[in-house]
PDB file of N, CA and C in Angstrom:
ATOM      1  N   UNK A   1     -11.708  14.406  -2.643  1.00  0.00           N
ATOM      2  CA  UNK A   1     -10.383  13.813  -2.830  1.00  0.00           C
ATOM      3  C   UNK A   1      -9.337  14.917  -2.762  1.00  0.00           C
ATOM      4  N   UNK A   2      -8.200  14.582  -2.182  1.00  0.00           N
ATOM      5  CA  UNK A   2      -7.123  15.545  -2.003  1.00  0.00           C
ATOM      6  C   UNK A   2      -6.448  15.865  -3.337  1.00  0.00           C
ATOM      7  N   UNK A   3      -5.869  17.088  -3.423  1.00  0.00           N
ATOM      8  CA  UNK A   3      -5.170  17.480  -4.647  1.00  0.00           C
ATOM      9  C   UNK A   3      -3.707  17.042  -4.640  1.00  0.00           C
ATOM     10  N   UNK A   4      -3.213  16.502  -3.523  1.00  0.00           N
ATOM     11  CA  UNK A   4      -1.821  16.036  -3.483  1.00  0.00           C
ATOM     12  C   UNK A   4      -1.768  14.516  -3.650  1.00  0.00           C
ATOM     13  N   UNK A   5      -0.586  13.974  -3.982  1.00  0.00           N
ATOM     14  CA  UNK A   5      -0.488  12.537  -4.280  1.00  0.00           C
ATOM     15  C   UNK A   5      -0.414  11.644  -3.041  1.00  0.00           C
ATOM     16  N   UNK A   6      -0.531  12.218  -1.855  1.00  0.00           N
ATOM     17  CA  UNK A   6      -0.375  11.447  -0.633  1.00  0.00           C
ATOM     18  C   UNK A   6      -1.724  10.965  -0.109  1.00  0.00           C
ATOM     19  N   UNK A   7      -1.707   9.829   0.548  1.00  0.00           N
ATOM     20  CA  UNK A   7      -2.916   9.307   1.183  1.00  0.00           C
ATOM     21  C   UNK A   7      -3.365  10.281   2.266  1.00  0.00           C
ATOM     22  N   UNK A   8      -4.656  10.464   2.380  1.00  0.00           N
ATOM     23  CA  UNK A   8      -5.235  11.357   3.385  1.00  0.00           C
ATOM     24  C   UNK A   8      -5.503  10.550   4.653  1.00  0.00           C
ATOM     25  N   UNK A   9      -4.468  10.380   5.457  1.00  0.00           N
ATOM     26  CA  UNK A   9      -4.553   9.544   6.645  1.00  0.00           C
ATOM     27  C   UNK A   9      -4.988  10.348   7.866  1.00  0.00           C
ATOM     28  N   UNK A  10      -5.562   9.673   8.854  1.00  0.00           N
ATOM     29  CA  UNK A  10      -5.978  10.361  10.082  1.00  0.00           C
ATOM     30  C   UNK A  10      -4.781  10.572  11.005  1.00  0.00           C
ATOM     31  N   UNK A  11      -5.027  11.161  12.149  1.00  0.00           N
ATOM     32  CA  UNK A  11      -3.977  11.264  13.154  1.00  0.00           C
ATOM     33  C   UNK A  11      -3.558   9.857  13.573  1.00  0.00           C
ATOM     34  N   UNK A  12      -2.256   9.642  13.794  1.00  0.00           N
ATOM     35  CA  UNK A  12      -1.779   8.330  14.235  1.00  0.00           C
ATOM     36  C   UNK A  12      -2.340   7.985  15.620  1.00  0.00           C
ATOM     37  N   UNK A  13      -2.293   6.705  15.961  1.00  0.00           N
ATOM     38  CA  UNK A  13      -1.618   5.615  15.256  1.00  0.00           C
ATOM     39  C   UNK A  13      -2.509   4.969  14.202  1.00  0.00           C
ATOM     40  N   UNK A  14      -1.868   4.396  13.188  1.00  0.00           N
ATOM     41  CA  UNK A  14      -2.497   3.551  12.186  1.00  0.00           C
ATOM     42  C   UNK A  14      -1.405   2.664  11.604  1.00  0.00           C
ATOM     43  N   UNK A  15      -1.778   1.731  10.760  1.00  0.00           N
ATOM     44  CA  UNK A  15      -0.842   0.720  10.260  1.00  0.00           C
ATOM     45  C   UNK A  15      -0.468   1.016   8.810  1.00  0.00           C
ATOM     46  N   UNK A  16       0.799   0.839   8.488  1.00  0.00           N
ATOM     47  CA  UNK A  16       1.296   0.964   7.119  1.00  0.00           C
ATOM     48  C   UNK A  16       1.825  -0.402   6.671  1.00  0.00           C
ATOM     49  N   UNK A  17       1.356  -0.848   5.507  1.00  0.00           N
ATOM     50  CA  UNK A  17       1.881  -2.061   4.881  1.00  0.00           C
ATOM     51  C   UNK A  17       2.754  -1.582   3.728  1.00  0.00           C
ATOM     52  N   UNK A  18       4.051  -1.835   3.828  1.00  0.00           N
ATOM     53  CA  UNK A  18       5.030  -1.332   2.870  1.00  0.00           C
ATOM     54  C   UNK A  18       5.481  -2.493   1.987  1.00  0.00           C
ATOM     55  N   UNK A  19       5.171  -2.401   0.708  1.00  0.00           N
ATOM     56  CA  UNK A  19       5.504  -3.458  -0.247  1.00  0.00           C
ATOM     57  C   UNK A  19       6.540  -2.903  -1.218  1.00  0.00           C
ATOM     58  N   UNK A  20       7.760  -3.423  -1.157  1.00  0.00           N
ATOM     59  CA  UNK A  20       8.813  -3.025  -2.091  1.00  0.00           C
ATOM     60  C   UNK A  20       9.089  -4.201  -3.020  1.00  0.00           C
ATOM     61  N   UNK A  21       9.335  -3.880  -4.298  1.00  0.00           N
ATOM     62  CA  UNK A  21       9.484  -4.962  -5.269  1.00  0.00           C
ATOM     63  C   UNK A  21      10.417  -4.587  -6.408  1.00  0.00           C
ATOM     64  N   UNK A  22      10.952  -5.635  -7.017  1.00  0.00           N
ATOM     65  CA  UNK A  22      11.706  -5.533  -8.266  1.00  0.00           C
ATOM     66  C   UNK A  22      10.936  -6.368  -9.269  1.00  0.00           C
ATOM     67  N   UNK A  23      10.519  -5.738 -10.354  1.00  0.00           N
ATOM     68  CA  UNK A  23       9.677  -6.387 -11.360  1.00  0.00           C
ATOM     69  C   UNK A  23      10.479  -7.234 -12.332  1.00  0.00           C
ATOM     70  N   UNK A  24       9.792  -8.196 -12.921  1.00  0.00           N
ATOM     71  CA  UNK A  24      10.324  -8.949 -14.048  1.00  0.00           C
ATOM     72  C   UNK A  24      10.082  -8.113 -15.311  1.00  0.00           C
ATOM     73  N   UNK A  25      10.754  -8.413 -16.426  1.00  0.00           N
ATOM     74  CA  UNK A  25      10.519  -7.663 -17.667  1.00  0.00           C
ATOM     75  C   UNK A  25       9.094  -7.873 -18.196  1.00  0.00           C
ATOM     76  N   UNK A  26       8.568  -6.859 -18.862  1.00  0.00           N
ATOM     77  CA  UNK A  26       7.250  -6.949 -19.495  1.00  0.00           C
ATOM     78  C   UNK A  26       6.119  -6.697 -18.520  1.00  0.00           C
ATOM     79  N   UNK A  27       4.956  -6.418 -19.069  1.00  0.00           N
ATOM     80  CA  UNK A  27       3.789  -6.125 -18.232  1.00  0.00           C
ATOM     81  C   UNK A  27       3.084  -7.403 -17.779  1.00  0.00           C
ATOM     82  N   UNK A  28       2.819  -8.306 -18.714  1.00  0.00           N
ATOM     83  CA  UNK A  28       2.190  -9.587 -18.394  1.00  0.00           C
ATOM     84  C   UNK A  28       0.914  -9.453 -17.569  1.00  0.00           C
ATOM     85  N   UNK A  29       0.140  -8.395 -17.836  1.00  0.00           N
ATOM     86  CA  UNK A  29      -1.111  -8.183 -17.120  1.00  0.00           C
ATOM     87  C   UNK A  29      -0.984  -7.444 -15.799  1.00  0.00           C
ATOM     88  N   UNK A  30       0.218  -6.992 -15.485  1.00  0.00           N
ATOM     89  CA  UNK A  30       0.478  -6.341 -14.196  1.00  0.00           C
ATOM     90  C   UNK A  30      -0.323  -5.056 -14.010  1.00  0.00           C
ATOM     91  N   UNK A  31      -0.305  -4.164 -14.986  1.00  0.00           N
ATOM     92  CA  UNK A  31      -0.944  -2.851 -14.826  1.00  0.00           C
ATOM     93  C   UNK A  31      -2.433  -2.977 -14.533  1.00  0.00           C
ATOM     94  N   UNK A  32      -3.091  -3.871 -15.243  1.00  0.00           N
ATOM     95  CA  UNK A  32      -4.530  -4.068 -15.023  1.00  0.00           C
ATOM     96  C   UNK A  32      -4.784  -4.614 -13.624  1.00  0.00           C
ATOM     97  N   UNK A  33      -3.997  -5.595 -13.207  1.00  0.00           N
ATOM     98  CA  UNK A  33      -4.182  -6.178 -11.880  1.00  0.00           C
ATOM     99  C   UNK A  33      -3.865  -5.169 -10.788  1.00  0.00           C
ATOM    100  N   UNK A  34      -2.816  -4.376 -10.957  1.00  0.00           N
ATOM    101  CA  UNK A  34      -2.457  -3.378  -9.950  1.00  0.00           C
ATOM    102  C   UNK A  34      -3.585  -2.362  -9.769  1.00  0.00           C
ATOM    103  N   UNK A  35      -4.170  -1.904 -10.856  1.00  0.00           N
ATOM    104  CA  UNK A  35      -5.291  -0.955 -10.773  1.00  0.00           C
ATOM    105  C   UNK A  35      -6.493  -1.615 -10.104  1.00  0.00           C
ATOM    106  N   UNK A  36      -6.744  -2.852 -10.446  1.00  0.00           N
ATOM    107  CA  UNK A  36      -7.858  -3.593  -9.853  1.00  0.00           C
ATOM    108  C   UNK A  36      -7.661  -3.773  -8.350  1.00  0.00           C
ATOM    109  N   UNK A  37      -6.446  -4.091  -7.933  1.00  0.00           N
ATOM    110  CA  UNK A  37      -6.167  -4.295  -6.510  1.00  0.00           C
ATOM    111  C   UNK A  37      -6.290  -2.980  -5.733  1.00  0.00           C
ATOM    112  N   UNK A  38      -5.849  -1.871  -6.328  1.00  0.00           N
ATOM    113  CA  UNK A  38      -5.991  -0.576  -5.658  1.00  0.00           C
ATOM    114  C   UNK A  38      -7.463  -0.240  -5.443  1.00  0.00           C
ATOM    115  N   UNK A  39      -8.287  -0.497  -6.438  1.00  0.00           N
ATOM    116  CA  UNK A  39      -9.732  -0.246  -6.311  1.00  0.00           C
ATOM    117  C   UNK A  39     -10.358  -1.171  -5.273  1.00  0.00           C
ATOM    118  N   UNK A  40      -9.994  -2.438  -5.287  1.00  0.00           N
ATOM    119  CA  UNK A  40     -10.531  -3.398  -4.329  1.00  0.00           C
ATOM    120  C   UNK A  40     -10.106  -3.050  -2.906  1.00  0.00           C
ATOM    121  N   UNK A  41      -8.872  -2.627  -2.731  1.00  0.00           N
ATOM    122  CA  UNK A  41      -8.391  -2.238  -1.401  1.00  0.00           C
ATOM    123  C   UNK A  41      -9.233  -1.098  -0.843  1.00  0.00           C
ATOM    124  N   UNK A  42      -9.589  -0.129  -1.698  1.00  0.00           N
ATOM    125  CA  UNK A  42     -10.388   1.014  -1.260  1.00  0.00           C
ATOM    126  C   UNK A  42     -11.750   0.601  -0.695  1.00  0.00           C
ATOM    127  N   UNK A  43     -12.232  -0.566  -1.086  1.00  0.00           N
ATOM    128  CA  UNK A  43     -13.540  -1.059  -0.634  1.00  0.00           C
ATOM    129  C   UNK A  43     -13.464  -1.845   0.674  1.00  0.00           C
ATOM    130  N   UNK A  44     -12.252  -2.109   1.165  1.00  0.00           N
ATOM    131  CA  UNK A  44     -12.095  -2.965   2.334  1.00  0.00           C
ATOM    132  C   UNK A  44     -12.278  -2.194   3.636  1.00  0.00           C
ATOM    133  N   UNK A  45     -12.853  -2.863   4.643  1.00  0.00           N
ATOM    134  CA  UNK A  45     -12.988  -2.230   5.958  1.00  0.00           C
ATOM    135  C   UNK A  45     -11.622  -1.825   6.503  1.00  0.00           C
ATOM    136  N   UNK A  46     -11.535  -0.628   7.019  1.00  0.00           N
ATOM    137  CA  UNK A  46     -10.303  -0.153   7.638  1.00  0.00           C
ATOM    138  C   UNK A  46      -9.286   0.442   6.684  1.00  0.00           C
ATOM    139  N   UNK A  47      -9.575   0.479   5.380  1.00  0.00           N
ATOM    140  CA  UNK A  47      -8.639   1.072   4.414  1.00  0.00           C
ATOM    141  C   UNK A  47      -8.603   2.581   4.602  1.00  0.00           C
ATOM    142  N   UNK A  48      -7.389   3.148   4.618  1.00  0.00           N
ATOM    143  CA  UNK A  48      -7.227   4.600   4.784  1.00  0.00           C
ATOM    144  C   UNK A  48      -6.675   5.278   3.538  1.00  0.00           C
ATOM    145  N   UNK A  49      -5.822   4.583   2.779  1.00  0.00           N
ATOM    146  CA  UNK A  49      -5.228   5.201   1.605  1.00  0.00           C
ATOM    147  C   UNK A  49      -4.086   4.373   1.064  1.00  0.00           C
ATOM    148  N   UNK A  50      -3.565   4.840  -0.080  1.00  0.00           N
ATOM    149  CA  UNK A  50      -2.466   4.115  -0.735  1.00  0.00           C
ATOM    150  C   UNK A  50      -1.570   5.115  -1.466  1.00  0.00           C
ATOM    151  N   UNK A  51      -0.281   4.831  -1.472  1.00  0.00           N
ATOM    152  CA  UNK A  51       0.704   5.625  -2.212  1.00  0.00           C
ATOM    153  C   UNK A  51       1.625   4.648  -2.942  1.00  0.00           C
ATOM    154  N   UNK A  52       2.018   5.002  -4.160  1.00  0.00           N
ATOM    155  CA  UNK A  52       2.833   4.077  -4.933  1.00  0.00           C
ATOM    156  C   UNK A  52       3.788   4.838  -5.841  1.00  0.00           C
ATOM    157  N   UNK A  53       4.983   4.281  -6.013  1.00  0.00           N
ATOM    158  CA  UNK A  53       5.979   4.845  -6.932  1.00  0.00           C
ATOM    159  C   UNK A  53       6.784   3.690  -7.519  1.00  0.00           C
ATOM    160  N   UNK A  54       7.221   3.859  -8.769  1.00  0.00           N
ATOM    161  CA  UNK A  54       8.004   2.797  -9.398  1.00  0.00           C
ATOM    162  C   UNK A  54       9.089   3.399 -10.273  1.00  0.00           C
ATOM    163  N   UNK A  55      10.297   2.976 -10.028  1.00  0.00           N
ATOM    164  CA  UNK A  55      11.443   3.211 -10.912  1.00  0.00           C
ATOM    165  C   UNK A  55      12.127   1.858 -11.004  1.00  0.00           C
ATOM    166  N   UNK A  56      13.365   1.763 -10.543  1.00  0.00           N
ATOM    167  CA  UNK A  56      14.039   0.459 -10.508  1.00  0.00           C
ATOM    168  C   UNK A  56      13.437  -0.436  -9.424  1.00  0.00           C
ATOM    169  N   UNK A  57      13.059   0.189  -8.321  1.00  0.00           N
ATOM    170  CA  UNK A  57      12.395  -0.496  -7.219  1.00  0.00           C
ATOM    171  C   UNK A  57      11.016   0.125  -7.066  1.00  0.00           C
ATOM    172  N   UNK A  58      10.001  -0.704  -6.962  1.00  0.00           N
ATOM    173  CA  UNK A  58       8.645  -0.209  -6.741  1.00  0.00           C
ATOM    174  C   UNK A  58       8.344  -0.203  -5.256  1.00  0.00           C
ATOM    175  N   UNK A  59       7.627   0.825  -4.827  1.00  0.00           N
ATOM    176  CA  UNK A  59       7.213   0.913  -3.428  1.00  0.00           C
ATOM    177  C   UNK A  59       5.735   1.278  -3.409  1.00  0.00           C
ATOM    178  N   UNK A  60       4.954   0.446  -2.761  1.00  0.00           N
ATOM    179  CA  UNK A  60       3.546   0.737  -2.531  1.00  0.00           C
ATOM    180  C   UNK A  60       3.301   0.651  -1.040  1.00  0.00           C
ATOM    181  N   UNK A  61       2.706   1.696  -0.500  1.00  0.00           N
ATOM    182  CA  UNK A  61       2.369   1.716   0.916  1.00  0.00           C
ATOM    183  C   UNK A  61       0.857   1.846   1.025  1.00  0.00           C
ATOM    184  N   UNK A  62       0.243   0.879   1.684  1.00  0.00           N
ATOM    185  CA  UNK A  62      -1.185   1.000   1.971  1.00  0.00           C
ATOM    186  C   UNK A  62      -1.342   1.251   3.458  1.00  0.00           C
ATOM    187  N   UNK A  63      -2.347   2.052   3.797  1.00  0.00           N
ATOM    188  CA  UNK A  63      -2.566   2.461   5.180  1.00  0.00           C
ATOM    189  C   UNK A  63      -3.897   1.899   5.657  1.00  0.00           C
ATOM    190  N   UNK A  64      -3.891   1.407   6.905  1.00  0.00           N
ATOM    191  CA  UNK A  64      -5.035   0.710   7.485  1.00  0.00           C
ATOM    192  C   UNK A  64      -5.266   1.195   8.910  1.00  0.00           C
ATOM    193  N   UNK A  65      -6.496   1.125   9.349  1.00  0.00           N
ATOM    194  CA  UNK A  65      -6.822   1.592  10.697  1.00  0.00           C
ATOM    195  C   UNK A  65      -6.089   0.816  11.772  1.00  0.00           C
ATOM    196  N   UNK A  66      -5.893  -0.489  11.544  1.00  0.00           N
ATOM    197  CA  UNK A  66      -5.252  -1.334  12.557  1.00  0.00           C
ATOM    198  C   UNK A  66      -4.742  -2.629  11.915  1.00  0.00           C
ATOM    199  N   UNK A  67      -4.088  -3.449  12.733  1.00  0.00           N
ATOM    200  CA  UNK A  67      -3.528  -4.719  12.242  1.00  0.00           C
ATOM    201  C   UNK A  67      -4.611  -5.653  11.711  1.00  0.00           C
ATOM    202  N   UNK A  68      -5.765  -5.655  12.350  1.00  0.00           N
ATOM    203  CA  UNK A  68      -6.859  -6.529  11.921  1.00  0.00           C
ATOM    204  C   UNK A  68      -7.295  -6.185  10.506  1.00  0.00           C
ATOM    205  N   UNK A  69      -7.426  -4.905  10.198  1.00  0.00           N
ATOM    206  CA  UNK A  69      -7.821  -4.468   8.850  1.00  0.00           C
ATOM    207  C   UNK A  69      -6.746  -4.843   7.831  1.00  0.00           C
ATOM    208  N   UNK A  70      -5.479  -4.637   8.175  1.00  0.00           N
ATOM    209  CA  UNK A  70      -4.382  -4.981   7.258  1.00  0.00           C
ATOM    210  C   UNK A  70      -4.348  -6.488   7.007  1.00  0.00           C
ATOM    211  N   UNK A  71      -4.540  -7.281   8.038  1.00  0.00           N
ATOM    212  CA  UNK A  71      -4.557  -8.733   7.879  1.00  0.00           C
ATOM    213  C   UNK A  71      -5.765  -9.181   7.068  1.00  0.00           C
ATOM    214  N   UNK A  72      -6.888  -8.497   7.229  1.00  0.00           N
ATOM    215  CA  UNK A  72      -8.075  -8.821   6.444  1.00  0.00           C
ATOM    216  C   UNK A  72      -7.819  -8.642   4.958  1.00  0.00           C
ATOM    217  N   UNK A  73      -7.124  -7.572   4.592  1.00  0.00           N
ATOM    218  CA  UNK A  73      -6.791  -7.323   3.182  1.00  0.00           C
ATOM    219  C   UNK A  73      -5.919  -8.446   2.632  1.00  0.00           C
ATOM    220  N   UNK A  74      -4.980  -8.916   3.417  1.00  0.00           N
ATOM    221  CA  UNK A  74      -4.090  -9.988   2.970  1.00  0.00           C
ATOM    222  C   UNK A  74      -4.871 -11.247   2.612  1.00  0.00           C
ATOM    223  N   UNK A  75      -6.034 -11.448   3.235  1.00  0.00           N
ATOM    224  CA  UNK A  75      -6.814 -12.673   3.030  1.00  0.00           C
ATOM    225  C   UNK A  75      -7.953 -12.545   2.013  1.00  0.00           C
ATOM    226  N   UNK A  76      -8.129 -11.391   1.387  1.00  0.00           N
ATOM    227  CA  UNK A  76      -9.186 -11.235   0.376  1.00  0.00           C
ATOM    228  C   UNK A  76      -8.855 -12.130  -0.819  1.00  0.00           C
ATOM    229  N   UNK A  77      -9.833 -12.907  -1.279  1.00  0.00           N
ATOM    230  CA  UNK A  77      -9.596 -13.931  -2.306  1.00  0.00           C
ATOM    231  C   UNK A  77      -8.913 -13.384  -3.557  1.00  0.00           C
ATOM    232  N   UNK A  78      -9.415 -12.276  -4.101  1.00  0.00           N
ATOM    233  CA  UNK A  78      -8.812 -11.714  -5.318  1.00  0.00           C
ATOM    234  C   UNK A  78      -7.385 -11.244  -5.052  1.00  0.00           C
ATOM    235  N   UNK A  79      -7.125 -10.767  -3.853  1.00  0.00           N
ATOM    236  CA  UNK A  79      -5.774 -10.336  -3.496  1.00  0.00           C
ATOM    237  C   UNK A  79      -4.851 -11.548  -3.384  1.00  0.00           C
ATOM    238  N   UNK A  80      -5.359 -12.667  -2.889  1.00  0.00           N
ATOM    239  CA  UNK A  80      -4.566 -13.902  -2.832  1.00  0.00           C
ATOM    240  C   UNK A  80      -4.147 -14.343  -4.231  1.00  0.00           C
ATOM    241  N   UNK A  81      -5.060 -14.205  -5.206  1.00  0.00           N
ATOM    242  CA  UNK A  81      -4.742 -14.544  -6.597  1.00  0.00           C
ATOM    243  C   UNK A  81      -3.623 -13.626  -7.110  1.00  0.00           C
ATOM    244  N   UNK A  82      -3.730 -12.330  -6.832  1.00  0.00           N
ATOM    245  CA  UNK A  82      -2.707 -11.373  -7.273  1.00  0.00           C
ATOM    246  C   UNK A  82      -1.361 -11.671  -6.607  1.00  0.00           C
ATOM    247  N   UNK A  83      -1.390 -12.034  -5.333  1.00  0.00           N
ATOM    248  CA  UNK A  83      -0.144 -12.376  -4.643  1.00  0.00           C
ATOM    249  C   UNK A  83       0.530 -13.574  -5.309  1.00  0.00           C
ATOM    250  N   UNK A  84      -0.238 -14.585  -5.627  1.00  0.00           N
ATOM    251  CA  UNK A  84       0.308 -15.785  -6.273  1.00  0.00           C
ATOM    252  C   UNK A  84       0.900 -15.427  -7.639  1.00  0.00           C
ATOM    253  N   UNK A  85       0.167 -14.622  -8.406  1.00  0.00           N
ATOM    254  CA  UNK A  85       0.643 -14.217  -9.735  1.00  0.00           C
ATOM    255  C   UNK A  85       1.930 -13.389  -9.594  1.00  0.00           C
ATOM    256  N   UNK A  86       1.978 -12.555  -8.583  1.00  0.00           N
ATOM    257  CA  UNK A  86       3.187 -11.771  -8.332  1.00  0.00           C
ATOM    258  C   UNK A  86       4.397 -12.653  -8.089  1.00  0.00           C
ATOM    259  N   UNK A  87       4.225 -13.654  -7.235  1.00  0.00           N
ATOM    260  CA  UNK A  87       5.345 -14.573  -6.952  1.00  0.00           C
ATOM    261  C   UNK A  87       5.760 -15.348  -8.199  1.00  0.00           C
ATOM    262  N   UNK A  88       4.759 -15.760  -8.997  1.00  0.00           N
ATOM    263  CA  UNK A  88       5.042 -16.616 -10.157  1.00  0.00           C
ATOM    264  C   UNK A  88       5.499 -15.860 -11.404  1.00  0.00           C
ATOM    265  N   UNK A  89       5.027 -14.608 -11.596  1.00  0.00           N
ATOM    266  CA  UNK A  89       5.222 -13.922 -12.884  1.00  0.00           C
ATOM    267  C   UNK A  89       5.834 -12.528 -12.760  1.00  0.00           C
ATOM    268  N   UNK A  90       5.345 -11.687 -11.870  1.00  0.00           N
ATOM    269  CA  UNK A  90       5.647 -10.256 -11.916  1.00  0.00           C
ATOM    270  C   UNK A  90       6.875  -9.795 -11.152  1.00  0.00           C
ATOM    271  N   UNK A  91       7.291 -10.521 -10.121  1.00  0.00           N
ATOM    272  CA  UNK A  91       8.351 -10.001  -9.262  1.00  0.00           C
ATOM    273  C   UNK A  91       9.589 -10.894  -9.258  1.00  0.00           C
ATOM    274  N   UNK A  92      10.753 -10.276  -9.497  1.00  0.00           N
ATOM    275  CA  UNK A  92      12.023 -10.965  -9.284  1.00  0.00           C
ATOM    276  C   UNK A  92      12.283 -11.101  -7.795  1.00  0.00           C
ATOM    277  N   UNK A  93      11.860 -10.094  -7.041  1.00  0.00           N
ATOM    278  CA  UNK A  93      12.028 -10.116  -5.591  1.00  0.00           C
ATOM    279  C   UNK A  93      11.059  -9.115  -4.978  1.00  0.00           C
ATOM    280  N   UNK A  94      10.720  -9.314  -3.718  1.00  0.00           N
ATOM    281  CA  UNK A  94       9.848  -8.365  -3.021  1.00  0.00           C
ATOM    282  C   UNK A  94      10.011  -8.524  -1.518  1.00  0.00           C
ATOM    283  N   UNK A  95       9.596  -7.504  -0.813  1.00  0.00           N
ATOM    284  CA  UNK A  95       9.563  -7.504   0.656  1.00  0.00           C
ATOM    285  C   UNK A  95       8.269  -6.859   1.089  1.00  0.00           C
ATOM    286  N   UNK A  96       7.711  -7.366   2.172  1.00  0.00           N
ATOM    287  CA  UNK A  96       6.537  -6.760   2.801  1.00  0.00           C
ATOM    288  C   UNK A  96       6.935  -6.422   4.228  1.00  0.00           C
ATOM    289  N   UNK A  97       6.676  -5.191   4.599  1.00  0.00           N
ATOM    290  CA  UNK A  97       6.968  -4.739   5.965  1.00  0.00           C
ATOM    291  C   UNK A  97       5.697  -4.119   6.532  1.00  0.00           C
ATOM    292  N   UNK A  98       5.419  -4.420   7.775  1.00  0.00           N
ATOM    293  CA  UNK A  98       4.242  -3.895   8.445  1.00  0.00           C
ATOM    294  C   UNK A  98       4.736  -2.997   9.583  1.00  0.00           C
ATOM    295  N   UNK A  99       4.197  -1.792   9.654  1.00  0.00           N
ATOM    296  CA  UNK A  99       4.641  -0.843  10.676  1.00  0.00           C
ATOM    297  C   UNK A  99       3.446  -0.098  11.261  1.00  0.00           C
ATOM    298  N   UNK A 100       3.601   0.330  12.480  1.00  0.00           N
ATOM    299  CA  UNK A 100       2.617   1.210  13.096  1.00  0.00           C
ATOM    300  C   UNK A 100       3.147   2.631  13.001  1.00  0.00           C
ATOM    301  N   UNK A 101       2.367   3.497  12.394  1.00  0.00           N
ATOM    302  CA  UNK A 101       2.750   4.901  12.251  1.00  0.00           C
ATOM    303  C   UNK A 101       2.470   5.606  13.576  1.00  0.00           C
ATOM    304  N   UNK A 102       3.502   6.226  14.123  1.00  0.00           N
ATOM    305  CA  UNK A 102       3.370   6.929  15.394  1.00  0.00           C
ATOM    306  C   UNK A 102       3.331   8.436  15.227  1.00  0.00           C
ATOM    307  N   UNK A 103       3.978   8.937  14.164  1.00  0.00           N
ATOM    308  CA  UNK A 103       3.986  10.369  13.863  1.00  0.00           C
ATOM    309  C   UNK A 103       3.751  10.543  12.383  1.00  0.00           C
ATOM    310  N   UNK A 104       3.090  11.653  12.032  1.00  0.00           N
ATOM    311  CA  UNK A 104       2.761  11.944  10.633  1.00  0.00           C
ATOM    312  C   UNK A 104       2.794  13.465  10.490  1.00  0.00           C
ATOM    313  N   UNK A 105       3.758  13.961   9.730  1.00  0.00           N
ATOM    314  CA  UNK A 105       3.851  15.405   9.525  1.00  0.00           C
ATOM    315  C   UNK A 105       4.421  15.678   8.144  1.00  0.00           C
ATOM    316  N   UNK A 106       4.262  16.905   7.672  1.00  0.00           N
ATOM    317  CA  UNK A 106       4.729  17.263   6.344  1.00  0.00           C
ATOM    318  C   UNK A 106       5.179  18.708   6.273  1.00  0.00           C
ATOM    319  N   UNK A 107       5.145  19.230   5.085  1.00  0.00           N
ATOM    320  CA  UNK A 107       5.661  20.568   4.784  1.00  0.00           C
ATOM    321  C   UNK A 107       5.029  21.647   5.652  1.00  0.00           C
ATOM    322  N   UNK A 108       3.732  21.538   5.872  1.00  0.00           N
ATOM    323  CA  UNK A 108       3.016  22.582   6.602  1.00  0.00           C
ATOM    324  C   UNK A 108       2.902  22.319   8.099  1.00  0.00           C
ATOM    325  N   UNK A 109       3.628  21.324   8.583  1.00  0.00           N
ATOM    326  CA  UNK A 109       3.665  21.047  10.030  1.00  0.00           C
ATOM    327  C   UNK A 109       5.056  20.553  10.369  1.00  0.00           C
ATOM    328  N   UNK A 110       5.362  20.518  11.640  1.00  0.00           N
ATOM    329  CA  UNK A 110       6.655  20.002  12.055  1.00  0.00           C
ATOM    330  C   UNK A 110       6.422  18.816  12.972  1.00  0.00           C
ATOM    331  N   UNK A 111       7.484  18.040  13.221  1.00  0.00           N
ATOM    332  CA  UNK A 111       7.302  16.888  14.090  1.00  0.00           C
ATOM    333  C   UNK A 111       6.947  17.272  15.527  1.00  0.00           C
ATOM    334  N   UNK A 112       7.104  18.554  15.857  1.00  0.00           N
ATOM    335  CA  UNK A 112       6.776  19.012  17.199  1.00  0.00           C
ATOM    336  C   UNK A 112       5.333  19.483  17.304  1.00  0.00           C
ATOM    337  N   UNK A 113       4.687  19.766  16.153  1.00  0.00           N
ATOM    338  CA  UNK A 113       3.292  20.178  16.156  1.00  0.00           C
ATOM    339  C   UNK A 113       2.420  19.014  16.581  1.00  0.00           C
ATOM    340  N   UNK A 114       1.448  19.250  17.469  1.00  0.00           N
ATOM    341  CA  UNK A 114       0.579  18.151  17.856  1.00  0.00           C
ATOM    342  C   UNK A 114      -0.383  17.740  16.740  1.00  0.00           C
ATOM    343  N   UNK A 115      -0.632  18.605  15.752  1.00  0.00           N
ATOM    344  CA  UNK A 115      -1.601  18.282  14.723  1.00  0.00           C
ATOM    345  C   UNK A 115      -1.038  18.269  13.414  1.00  0.00           C
TER     346      UNK A 115
END
């Protein structure tokens, strides 16, 4: 496992599912379900990694090998239950965005580096 907080993704292309949300007050079982969903996602075919941050707006990005893998995660039964609970209890508002990552670079590389 990597020592940094970022998902250890392969060279692009791959798919990013970006979930941004505004929570309702209180936990109402959210923390337990969020941890459970992160663990379950790791077991799914095509899962590459996950990154999450929460302040006023929460952002969770999960990374998948392709659209088929990302769509498969959306249809996992336990994830469907969590989605329903999110709409009914945990989120005042949310957005889901799906993107294909074309470039991936950081501190030790530049956007011009091929690797």
